[in-house]
């Protein structure tokens, strides 16, 4: 029996490490349990590997499209897919060591390799840890426990899907060879990124979207992105679902059905299912210690991220809150403050940004037009095509839009949405504007460096009071 820990953490991703680091900075003792690879989704199967491969695919696309600049001739050869994946794996291993395992050693806590489940009762919870090597289990007792087990890909019930087999975003990035054709089920951020990644590496890609592309974003962004995909040879079927899947000697055979009940067949070498993720809570035995789960398997927590058991907390994807690594990290630090200092902190998602790393990228913060109306606002919206943004013009790539959502009565910014090169960097400006409850007029009057994509936000704000097509290129 191991006694006396201040914090026992189940999981080793962003939320787990943020909590452990914060606890160690407070002089508290920590132990961590991980049943798979240290580092969680982000470094192993999510952000790091996917964005590394997306950057490689963008480099290849740039070489193929270099002709858009007068006087420039570029080209590219075939993709060495095995070398590409090996390079991705090497980067993951490097970052896992530098940002996770080495840090744990530096801060002074142990990471136990094994599967944890709660034992005891509500008043005396403990962890039973079955080691990965099959040895005898260990009992871990702590003053506080943190569940930070993340989420995993989820597949919908489609006839024949399990028997046919399919790829997820995780397994697709570990393939030995690039599929000649790929069917992607799902049009959220994972599906869109993976679709464009494989298309730019040379696969023939078809996307099946239950409604429209990136349905959580503004419709203007969805429409503009669909045009981008069409330009890049990606076939998109919106308002469509798969009804059956089977595999034959040539690959995947699927049946699709449109919203008006029209059926048609689809064939591809592989099927990638990207229909969302679900919290990982299997085998934790939460009920035994009075901590429950919700309808989607999420750990039920209050506004302070505490479960019904006052000694058990949860952070990150497993809570059902927005599934971003920076949310998980914020959760971890918050839990440490609340558990050990009684801080009573909560999380404010009012100006939470999100980015989809397609190219152009999608980035948003705040409310959409529809969300603002649902909350009782009378909205005044502006949509600025990138053809009016000087940075896009000199890049010779004006694909995309910037949309601002403002309150009609006060002019206060309610939301900002962009499809643009570097949109993830652009949206940071909007986050500060939303956090400080700025009006679009204040945004229009702020300094902004010329020939940056962020200038598009200023120009979009200026459209509320003037016709920007009548301005010179750097006039304010």
Protein backbone atom coordinates (compact mmCIF):
# COMPACT_ATOMS: atom_id res chain seq x y z
CA UNK A 1 0.00 0.00 0.00
CA UNK A 2 1.21 3.50 -0.94
CA UNK A 3 -0.15 6.12 1.44
CA UNK A 4 0.26 9.84 1.89
CA UNK A 5 0.01 11.27 -1.63
CA UNK A 6 -1.66 14.63 -1.87
CA UNK A 7 -2.80 14.02 -5.45
CA UNK A 8 -3.23 10.84 -7.49
CA UNK A 9 -3.85 11.42 -11.19
CA UNK A 10 -5.33 8.92 -13.62
CA UNK A 11 -4.08 9.85 -17.11
CA UNK A 12 -1.00 11.68 -18.34
CA UNK A 13 -2.15 14.22 -20.93
CA UNK A 14 -2.35 18.01 -20.86
CA UNK A 15 -4.84 18.24 -17.99
CA UNK A 16 -3.04 15.64 -15.93
CA UNK A 17 0.35 17.33 -16.32
CA UNK A 18 -1.00 20.82 -15.67
CA UNK A 19 -2.54 19.64 -12.39
CA UNK A 20 0.56 17.71 -11.37
CA UNK A 21 2.91 20.63 -12.09
CA UNK A 22 0.64 23.05 -10.22
CA UNK A 23 0.43 20.68 -7.26
CA UNK A 24 4.21 20.20 -7.13
CA UNK A 25 4.70 23.97 -7.22
CA UNK A 26 2.54 24.08 -4.10
CA UNK A 27 4.82 21.54 -2.46
CA UNK A 28 2.30 18.70 -2.76
CA UNK A 29 3.16 15.06 -3.48
CA UNK A 30 1.88 13.53 -6.71
CA UNK A 31 1.60 10.12 -8.32
CA UNK A 32 0.32 9.51 -11.86
CA UNK A 33 -1.07 6.37 -13.51
CA UNK A 34 -1.09 5.84 -17.30
CA UNK A 35 -2.24 2.68 -19.09
CA UNK A 36 -0.97 3.67 -22.55
CA UNK A 37 1.67 6.10 -23.82
CA UNK A 38 2.63 8.99 -21.57
CA UNK A 39 1.43 12.35 -22.86
CA UNK A 40 -2.16 11.58 -23.77
CA UNK A 41 -3.88 12.36 -27.06
CA UNK A 42 -2.25 15.67 -27.97
CA UNK A 43 1.37 14.60 -28.30
CA UNK A 44 0.80 10.97 -29.28
CA UNK A 45 -2.20 10.78 -31.60
CA UNK A 46 -3.68 14.27 -31.88
CA UNK A 47 -2.31 17.78 -32.24
CA UNK A 48 1.40 17.07 -32.70
CA UNK A 49 1.34 14.24 -35.26
CA UNK A 50 -1.63 15.59 -37.23
CA UNK A 51 -0.26 19.12 -37.51
CA UNK A 52 3.18 17.80 -38.42
CA UNK A 53 1.68 15.81 -41.28
CA UNK A 54 -0.57 18.71 -42.30
CA UNK A 55 2.49 20.95 -42.53
CA UNK A 56 4.19 18.39 -44.77
CA UNK A 57 1.11 18.14 -46.97
CA UNK A 58 0.93 21.94 -47.18
CA UNK A 59 4.57 22.05 -48.29
CA UNK A 60 3.80 19.60 -51.08
CA UNK A 61 0.72 21.56 -52.10
CA UNK A 62 2.74 24.78 -52.16
CA UNK A 63 5.25 23.16 -54.48
CA UNK A 64 2.47 22.04 -56.80
CA UNK A 65 0.79 25.47 -56.72
CA UNK A 66 3.88 27.64 -56.96
CA UNK A 67 2.84 28.66 -60.45
CA UNK A 68 0.39 31.18 -59.03
CA UNK A 69 3.38 33.54 -58.63
CA UNK A 70 4.65 34.99 -61.94
CA UNK A 71 8.15 33.83 -62.76
CA UNK A 72 8.12 30.90 -60.31
CA UNK A 73 8.16 27.30 -61.49
CA UNK A 74 7.96 24.51 -58.93
CA UNK A 75 7.22 20.81 -58.88
CA UNK A 76 7.27 17.75 -56.68
CA UNK A 77 7.86 14.03 -56.94
CA UNK A 78 6.01 11.10 -55.38
CA UNK A 79 5.49 10.98 -51.61
CA UNK A 80 7.67 8.58 -49.62
CA UNK A 81 4.85 7.83 -47.20
CA UNK A 82 6.86 5.49 -44.99
CA UNK A 83 9.57 8.12 -44.47
CA UNK A 84 6.91 10.74 -43.77
CA UNK A 85 5.34 8.61 -41.04
CA UNK A 86 8.76 7.73 -39.60
CA UNK A 87 9.55 11.45 -39.34
CA UNK A 88 6.25 12.08 -37.58
CA UNK A 89 6.97 9.27 -35.12
CA UNK A 90 10.42 10.65 -34.35
CA UNK A 91 8.95 14.09 -33.61
CA UNK A 92 6.31 12.55 -31.32
CA UNK A 93 8.94 10.60 -29.40
CA UNK A 94 11.08 13.69 -29.00
CA UNK A 95 8.25 15.86 -27.72
CA UNK A 96 6.90 13.11 -25.47
CA UNK A 97 10.27 12.95 -23.75
CA UNK A 98 10.94 16.69 -23.58
CA UNK A 99 7.46 17.84 -22.59
CA UNK A 100 6.22 14.93 -20.52
CA UNK A 101 8.44 12.15 -19.15
CA UNK A 102 11.47 14.38 -18.56
CA UNK A 103 9.28 17.04 -16.95
CA UNK A 104 7.76 14.54 -14.54
CA UNK A 105 11.24 13.53 -13.44
CA UNK A 106 12.29 17.17 -13.10
CA UNK A 107 9.28 18.08 -10.96
CA UNK A 108 9.61 14.88 -8.95
CA UNK A 109 6.64 12.59 -9.40
CA UNK A 110 6.36 8.98 -10.55
CA UNK A 111 4.36 7.77 -13.56
CA UNK A 112 3.10 4.24 -12.94
CA UNK A 113 2.43 2.14 -16.04
CA UNK A 114 -0.83 0.32 -15.51
CA UNK A 115 -4.62 0.40 -15.42
CA UNK A 116 -6.30 2.16 -12.53
CA UNK A 117 -9.76 1.63 -11.07
CA UNK A 118 -11.37 3.07 -8.00
CA UNK A 119 -11.90 0.86 -5.00
CA UNK A 120 -13.05 1.43 -1.44
CA UNK A 121 -16.17 3.56 -0.90
CA UNK A 122 -17.32 7.16 -0.98
CA UNK A 123 -15.67 8.05 2.31
CA UNK A 124 -12.46 6.11 1.70
CA UNK A 125 -11.70 6.06 -2.03
CA UNK A 126 -8.49 4.52 -3.29
CA UNK A 127 -6.98 3.40 -6.60
CA UNK A 128 -6.17 -0.19 -7.46
CA UNK A 129 -3.46 -0.16 -10.13
CA UNK A 130 -2.86 -3.28 -12.22
CA UNK A 131 0.68 -2.94 -13.65
CA UNK A 132 1.23 -3.16 -17.38
CA UNK A 133 3.76 -5.97 -16.85
CA UNK A 134 1.11 -8.19 -15.28
CA UNK A 135 2.55 -8.14 -11.76
CA UNK A 136 0.65 -7.71 -8.55
CA UNK A 137 -1.65 -4.70 -8.20
CA UNK A 138 -0.84 -1.67 -6.06
CA UNK A 139 -3.21 0.28 -3.86
CA UNK A 140 -2.80 4.05 -4.06
CA UNK A 141 -4.34 6.34 -1.47
CA UNK A 142 -4.39 10.13 -1.74
CA UNK A 143 -6.05 13.18 -0.29
CA UNK A 144 -7.41 14.06 -3.74
CA UNK A 145 -7.85 12.21 -7.02
CA UNK A 146 -7.98 13.60 -10.55
CA UNK A 147 -9.56 11.78 -13.49
CA UNK A 148 -7.88 13.01 -16.67
CA UNK A 149 -8.32 10.04 -18.99
CA UNK A 150 -9.30 12.04 -22.08
CA UNK A 151 -11.44 10.84 -24.97
CA UNK A 152 -11.26 8.33 -27.81
CA UNK A 153 -12.65 8.19 -31.36
CA UNK A 154 -16.30 7.14 -31.60
CA UNK A 155 -18.07 5.44 -34.51
CA UNK A 156 -21.82 5.57 -35.21
CA UNK A 157 -23.94 2.44 -35.66
CA UNK A 158 -23.67 1.72 -39.40
CA UNK A 159 -24.66 -1.67 -40.78
CA UNK A 160 -21.52 -3.73 -41.43
CA UNK A 161 -19.06 -1.09 -40.21
CA UNK A 162 -17.46 -3.12 -37.45
CA UNK A 163 -17.11 -6.20 -39.65
CA UNK A 164 -15.62 -4.22 -42.55
CA UNK A 165 -13.15 -2.40 -40.36
CA UNK A 166 -12.23 1.27 -40.59
CA UNK A 167 -9.56 3.82 -39.84
CA UNK A 168 -9.68 6.47 -37.15
CA UNK A 169 -7.59 9.63 -37.04
CA UNK A 170 -5.15 7.67 -34.87
CA UNK A 171 -4.71 4.63 -37.10
CA UNK A 172 -4.78 6.65 -40.33
CA UNK A 173 -1.61 8.44 -39.24
CA UNK A 174 0.12 5.10 -38.65
CA UNK A 175 -0.54 3.51 -42.05
CA UNK A 176 2.37 1.85 -43.84
CA UNK A 177 1.24 3.10 -47.23
CA UNK A 178 -0.90 5.92 -48.55
CA UNK A 179 -4.32 4.72 -49.77
CA UNK A 180 -5.05 5.57 -53.39
CA UNK A 181 -8.60 6.49 -52.40
CA UNK A 182 -10.13 7.40 -49.07
CA UNK A 183 -13.72 7.82 -47.91
CA UNK A 184 -14.04 10.14 -44.90
CA UNK A 185 -17.17 9.91 -42.77
CA UNK A 186 -17.58 13.12 -40.79
CA UNK A 187 -17.03 16.79 -41.53
CA UNK A 188 -15.93 18.19 -38.20
CA UNK A 189 -12.40 19.41 -37.57
CA UNK A 190 -10.84 15.93 -37.51
CA UNK A 191 -12.52 14.76 -40.69
CA UNK A 192 -11.73 17.98 -42.58
CA UNK A 193 -8.08 18.03 -41.56
CA UNK A 194 -7.57 14.37 -42.43
CA UNK A 195 -9.43 14.71 -45.74
CA UNK A 196 -7.25 17.58 -46.90
CA UNK A 197 -4.09 15.95 -45.56
CA UNK A 198 -4.53 12.78 -47.61
CA UNK A 199 -5.78 14.65 -50.67
CA UNK A 200 -2.65 16.79 -50.68
CA UNK A 201 -0.51 13.69 -50.35
CA UNK A 202 -2.13 12.31 -53.49
CA UNK A 203 -5.15 10.26 -52.37
CA UNK A 204 -8.53 10.60 -54.06
CA UNK A 205 -10.75 11.74 -51.18
CA UNK A 206 -14.52 11.79 -50.72
CA UNK A 207 -16.17 13.36 -47.66
CA UNK A 208 -19.59 12.39 -46.31
CA UNK A 209 -21.19 15.13 -44.19
CA UNK A 210 -24.37 14.56 -42.19
CA UNK A 211 -25.31 18.24 -42.68
CA UNK A 212 -22.75 20.67 -44.08
CA UNK A 213 -19.00 21.00 -43.72
CA UNK A 214 -17.98 22.13 -40.24
CA UNK A 215 -21.62 22.57 -39.24
CA UNK A 216 -20.74 24.28 -35.97
CA UNK A 217 -19.24 27.22 -37.84
CA UNK A 218 -20.91 30.04 -39.73
CA UNK A 219 -22.58 28.97 -43.01
CA UNK A 220 -20.46 31.46 -44.99
CA UNK A 221 -17.33 29.65 -43.78
CA UNK A 222 -18.78 26.24 -44.63
CA UNK A 223 -19.63 27.38 -48.16
CA UNK A 224 -16.22 28.94 -48.73
CA UNK A 225 -14.43 25.84 -47.45
CA UNK A 226 -16.50 23.62 -49.73
CA UNK A 227 -15.29 25.73 -52.65
CA UNK A 228 -11.70 25.23 -51.48
CA UNK A 229 -12.20 21.46 -51.29
CA UNK A 230 -13.74 21.45 -54.78
CA UNK A 231 -10.72 23.36 -56.12
CA UNK A 232 -8.43 20.73 -54.60
CA UNK A 233 -10.35 17.81 -56.10
CA UNK A 234 -12.01 16.64 -52.87
CA UNK A 235 -15.54 15.34 -53.47
CA UNK A 236 -18.08 16.40 -50.82
CA UNK A 237 -21.55 14.94 -50.24
CA UNK A 238 -23.47 17.13 -47.79
CA UNK A 239 -26.71 16.17 -45.99
CA UNK A 240 -25.74 12.54 -46.52
CA UNK A 241 -25.17 9.54 -44.29
CA UNK A 242 -23.77 6.05 -44.70
CA UNK A 243 -26.33 3.27 -44.29
CA UNK A 244 -24.16 0.21 -44.94
CA UNK A 245 -20.50 -0.72 -45.32
CA UNK A 246 -18.77 -3.89 -46.47
CA UNK A 247 -15.28 -4.83 -47.60
CA UNK A 248 -14.40 -6.91 -50.63
CA UNK A 249 -11.12 -7.80 -52.33
CA UNK A 250 -10.79 -4.27 -53.75
CA UNK A 251 -11.53 -2.36 -50.56
CA UNK A 252 -14.52 -0.58 -49.03
CA UNK A 253 -17.98 -0.62 -50.60
CA UNK A 254 -20.46 1.75 -48.94
CA UNK A 255 -24.06 2.76 -49.47
CA UNK A 256 -24.92 6.42 -48.91
CA UNK A 257 -28.32 8.05 -48.54
CA UNK A 258 -29.12 11.71 -49.08
CA UNK A 259 -31.62 13.80 -47.14
CA UNK A 260 -34.23 13.21 -49.84
CA UNK A 261 -33.78 9.40 -49.55
CA UNK A 262 -31.72 8.95 -52.69
CA UNK A 263 -29.24 6.08 -52.36
CA UNK A 264 -25.94 5.73 -54.20
CA UNK A 265 -22.83 3.53 -53.88
CA UNK A 266 -19.32 4.63 -52.96
CA UNK A 267 -16.05 2.74 -53.25
CA UNK A 268 -12.63 3.48 -51.76
CA UNK A 269 -9.50 1.68 -50.64
CA UNK A 270 -10.09 2.74 -47.04
CA UNK A 271 -12.78 4.31 -44.84
CA UNK A 272 -11.83 6.84 -42.17
CA UNK A 273 -14.50 7.43 -39.50
CA UNK A 274 -14.24 10.88 -37.93
CA UNK A 275 -17.62 11.33 -36.26
CA UNK A 276 -16.48 12.63 -32.90
CA UNK A 277 -14.94 11.44 -29.68
CA UNK A 278 -16.31 10.10 -26.41
CA UNK A 279 -14.89 10.38 -22.88
CA UNK A 280 -12.82 7.42 -21.68
CA UNK A 281 -14.27 6.20 -18.39
CA UNK A 282 -14.48 2.45 -18.93
CA UNK A 283 -13.20 0.33 -16.09
CA UNK A 284 -12.77 3.20 -13.60
CA UNK A 285 -15.53 1.91 -11.26
CA UNK A 286 -16.64 5.45 -10.49
CA UNK A 287 -19.99 4.40 -9.04
CA UNK A 288 -18.20 2.53 -6.26
CA UNK A 289 -16.87 5.79 -4.84
CA UNK A 290 -19.86 8.02 -5.55
CA UNK A 291 -18.65 9.73 -8.74
CA UNK A 292 -21.07 9.37 -11.62
CA UNK A 293 -21.07 9.60 -15.41
CA UNK A 294 -23.48 11.26 -17.83
CA UNK A 295 -25.29 10.11 -20.98
CA UNK A 296 -22.17 10.28 -23.17
CA UNK A 297 -19.93 8.64 -20.57
CA UNK A 298 -18.50 11.93 -19.30
CA UNK A 299 -17.55 12.35 -15.65
CA UNK A 300 -20.19 14.58 -14.10
CA UNK A 301 -18.58 17.58 -12.38
CA UNK A 302 -19.78 20.85 -10.89
CA UNK A 303 -18.60 24.31 -11.95
CA UNK A 304 -15.42 23.79 -9.91
CA UNK A 305 -14.68 20.47 -11.73
CA UNK A 306 -15.45 18.44 -8.61
CA UNK A 307 -17.45 15.22 -8.81
CA UNK A 308 -20.16 14.22 -6.33
CA UNK A 309 -17.31 12.82 -4.24
CA UNK A 310 -15.56 15.86 -2.71
CA UNK A 311 -12.13 14.22 -3.02
CA UNK A 312 -12.43 13.29 -6.70
CA UNK A 313 -12.06 15.79 -9.55
CA UNK A 314 -11.97 15.59 -13.34
CA UNK A 315 -10.28 17.63 -16.08
CA UNK A 316 -10.16 17.78 -19.86
CA UNK A 317 -12.08 15.80 -22.47
CA UNK A 318 -13.38 13.31 -19.93
CA UNK A 319 -15.62 16.03 -18.45
CA UNK A 320 -17.53 16.56 -21.69
CA UNK A 321 -16.34 20.17 -21.79
CA UNK A 322 -14.82 21.61 -25.02
CA UNK A 323 -12.23 19.14 -26.31
CA UNK A 324 -9.10 21.27 -26.63
CA UNK A 325 -5.76 20.62 -24.99
CA UNK A 326 -5.62 24.21 -23.73
CA UNK A 327 -8.97 23.67 -22.00
CA UNK A 328 -7.60 20.52 -20.39
CA UNK A 329 -4.51 22.38 -19.20
CA UNK A 330 -6.63 25.20 -17.77
CA UNK A 331 -8.76 22.58 -16.02
CA UNK A 332 -5.72 20.93 -14.46
CA UNK A 333 -4.37 24.15 -12.97
CA UNK A 334 -7.85 25.07 -11.74
CA UNK A 335 -8.29 21.72 -9.98
CA UNK A 336 -4.98 22.12 -8.15
CA UNK A 337 -6.01 25.58 -6.91
CA UNK A 338 -9.48 24.43 -5.87
CA UNK A 339 -8.35 21.19 -4.23
CA UNK A 340 -5.43 22.56 -2.24
CA UNK A 341 -6.23 26.25 -1.77
CA UNK A 342 -10.03 26.24 -1.73
CA UNK A 343 -9.90 28.85 -4.49
CA UNK A 344 -13.39 28.20 -5.80
CA UNK A 345 -12.26 28.93 -9.36
CA UNK A 346 -14.49 28.31 -12.39
CA UNK A 347 -13.85 28.30 -16.15
CA UNK A 348 -15.15 31.05 -18.44
CA UNK A 349 -15.65 29.88 -22.03
CA UNK A 350 -17.03 33.24 -23.22
CA UNK A 351 -14.07 34.01 -25.47
CA UNK A 352 -12.71 30.49 -25.99
CA UNK A 353 -11.05 30.21 -29.43
CA UNK A 354 -11.07 27.18 -31.69
CA UNK A 355 -9.04 26.39 -34.79
CA UNK A 356 -9.38 23.82 -37.55
CA UNK A 357 -6.04 23.40 -39.29
CA UNK A 358 -7.26 23.08 -42.83
CA UNK A 359 -5.66 25.36 -45.39
CA UNK A 360 -7.00 28.01 -45.33
CA UNK A 361 -7.57 27.49 -41.62
CA UNK A 362 -10.84 28.03 -39.76
CA UNK A 363 -10.75 29.96 -36.50
CA UNK A 364 -13.54 31.29 -34.30
CA UNK A 365 -14.14 32.85 -30.91
CA UNK A 366 -17.34 33.92 -29.25
CA UNK A 367 -20.86 33.45 -30.59
CA UNK A 368 -22.08 32.60 -34.04
CA UNK A 369 -24.90 34.63 -35.53
CA UNK A 370 -27.44 31.92 -34.65
CA UNK A 371 -26.13 31.55 -31.09
CA UNK A 372 -26.31 35.29 -30.52
CA UNK A 373 -29.92 35.43 -31.71
CA UNK A 374 -30.80 32.45 -29.49
CA UNK A 375 -29.44 34.40 -26.52
CA UNK A 376 -31.67 37.36 -27.24
CA UNK A 377 -29.34 39.65 -29.17
CA UNK A 378 -30.35 41.61 -32.22
CA UNK A 379 -27.33 41.00 -34.40
CA UNK A 380 -25.50 43.18 -36.84
CA UNK A 381 -23.12 41.01 -38.88
CA UNK A 382 -20.53 41.76 -41.50
CA UNK A 383 -18.85 39.30 -43.89
CA UNK A 384 -15.60 40.40 -45.52
CA UNK A 385 -14.27 38.34 -48.46
CA UNK A 386 -10.49 38.02 -48.41
CA UNK A 387 -10.27 39.73 -51.79
CA UNK A 388 -10.45 42.95 -49.77
CA UNK A 389 -7.55 42.03 -47.47
CA UNK A 390 -4.15 43.21 -48.81
CA UNK A 391 -2.24 40.31 -47.22
CA UNK A 392 -4.39 37.83 -49.14
CA UNK A 393 -3.89 39.78 -52.36
CA UNK A 394 -0.10 39.75 -52.15
CA UNK A 395 -0.22 36.07 -51.23
CA UNK A 396 -2.24 35.59 -54.42
CA UNK A 397 -4.69 33.47 -52.46
CA UNK A 398 -7.98 35.20 -51.64
CA UNK A 399 -9.89 32.07 -50.69
CA UNK A 400 -11.80 32.72 -47.48
CA UNK A 401 -13.87 35.18 -45.47
CA UNK A 402 -13.90 37.01 -42.13
CA UNK A 403 -17.21 37.44 -40.31
CA UNK A 404 -17.94 39.62 -37.28
CA UNK A 405 -21.05 39.26 -35.13
CA UNK A 406 -21.97 42.37 -33.13
CA UNK A 407 -24.85 43.48 -30.94
CA UNK A 408 -26.92 45.91 -33.01
CA UNK A 409 -27.81 48.13 -30.05
CA UNK A 410 -24.37 48.55 -28.49
CA UNK A 411 -21.94 47.61 -31.23
CA UNK A 412 -20.22 45.20 -28.83
CA UNK A 413 -18.39 42.35 -30.53
CA UNK A 414 -20.09 39.03 -29.85
CA UNK A 415 -18.13 36.72 -32.12
CA UNK A 416 -15.41 36.58 -34.77
CA UNK A 417 -15.00 33.89 -37.41
CA UNK A 418 -12.40 33.46 -40.13
CA UNK A 419 -11.45 31.19 -42.97
CA UNK A 420 -8.01 32.46 -43.91
CA UNK A 421 -4.34 31.64 -44.09
CA UNK A 422 -3.09 31.96 -40.51
CA UNK A 423 -6.61 32.26 -39.08
CA UNK A 424 -5.45 30.67 -35.84
CA UNK A 425 -3.09 33.59 -35.25
CA UNK A 426 -5.67 36.14 -36.41
CA UNK A 427 -8.28 34.95 -33.93
CA UNK A 428 -6.04 35.77 -30.95
CA UNK A 429 -6.77 39.46 -31.59
CA UNK A 430 -10.49 38.76 -31.46
CA UNK A 431 -10.08 36.86 -28.17
CA UNK A 432 -8.65 39.99 -26.53
CA UNK A 433 -11.42 42.12 -28.03
CA UNK A 434 -14.08 39.74 -26.70
CA UNK A 435 -12.45 39.47 -23.28
CA UNK A 436 -12.46 43.25 -22.95
CA UNK A 437 -16.00 43.65 -24.35
CA UNK A 438 -14.85 45.95 -27.12
CA UNK A 439 -17.14 47.40 -29.75
CA UNK A 440 -16.55 46.99 -33.45
CA UNK A 441 -15.90 50.74 -33.63
CA UNK A 442 -13.10 50.41 -31.08
CA UNK A 443 -11.66 47.55 -33.15
CA UNK A 444 -11.87 49.68 -36.28
CA UNK A 445 -9.90 52.45 -34.57
CA UNK A 446 -7.09 50.30 -33.17
CA UNK A 447 -3.59 50.16 -34.62
CA UNK A 448 -2.96 47.18 -36.83
CA UNK A 449 0.20 46.51 -38.87
CA UNK A 450 -0.29 46.70 -42.61
CA UNK A 451 0.05 43.60 -44.73
CA UNK A 452 -0.87 41.18 -41.99
CA UNK A 453 -3.84 38.86 -42.11
CA UNK A 454 -4.93 40.25 -38.74
CA UNK A 455 -5.62 43.50 -40.55
CA UNK A 456 -8.63 41.68 -41.96
CA UNK A 457 -10.31 41.96 -38.54
CA UNK A 458 -9.81 45.73 -38.54
CA UNK A 459 -11.12 45.98 -42.09
CA UNK A 460 -14.15 43.87 -41.21
CA UNK A 461 -14.82 46.19 -38.27
CA UNK A 462 -14.47 49.23 -40.53
CA UNK A 463 -17.23 47.91 -42.80
CA UNK A 464 -19.75 48.87 -40.10
CA UNK A 465 -19.19 52.56 -40.82
CA UNK A 466 -17.62 52.86 -44.27
CA UNK A 467 -17.20 51.30 -47.68
CA UNK A 468 -13.70 49.81 -47.48
CA UNK A 469 -13.59 49.32 -51.25
CA UNK A 470 -13.27 53.11 -51.46
CA UNK A 471 -10.18 53.21 -49.23
CA UNK A 472 -6.60 53.17 -50.46
CA UNK A 473 -4.68 50.03 -49.54
CA UNK A 474 -3.30 51.33 -46.23
CA UNK A 475 -5.86 54.03 -45.36
CA UNK A 476 -7.66 53.89 -42.04
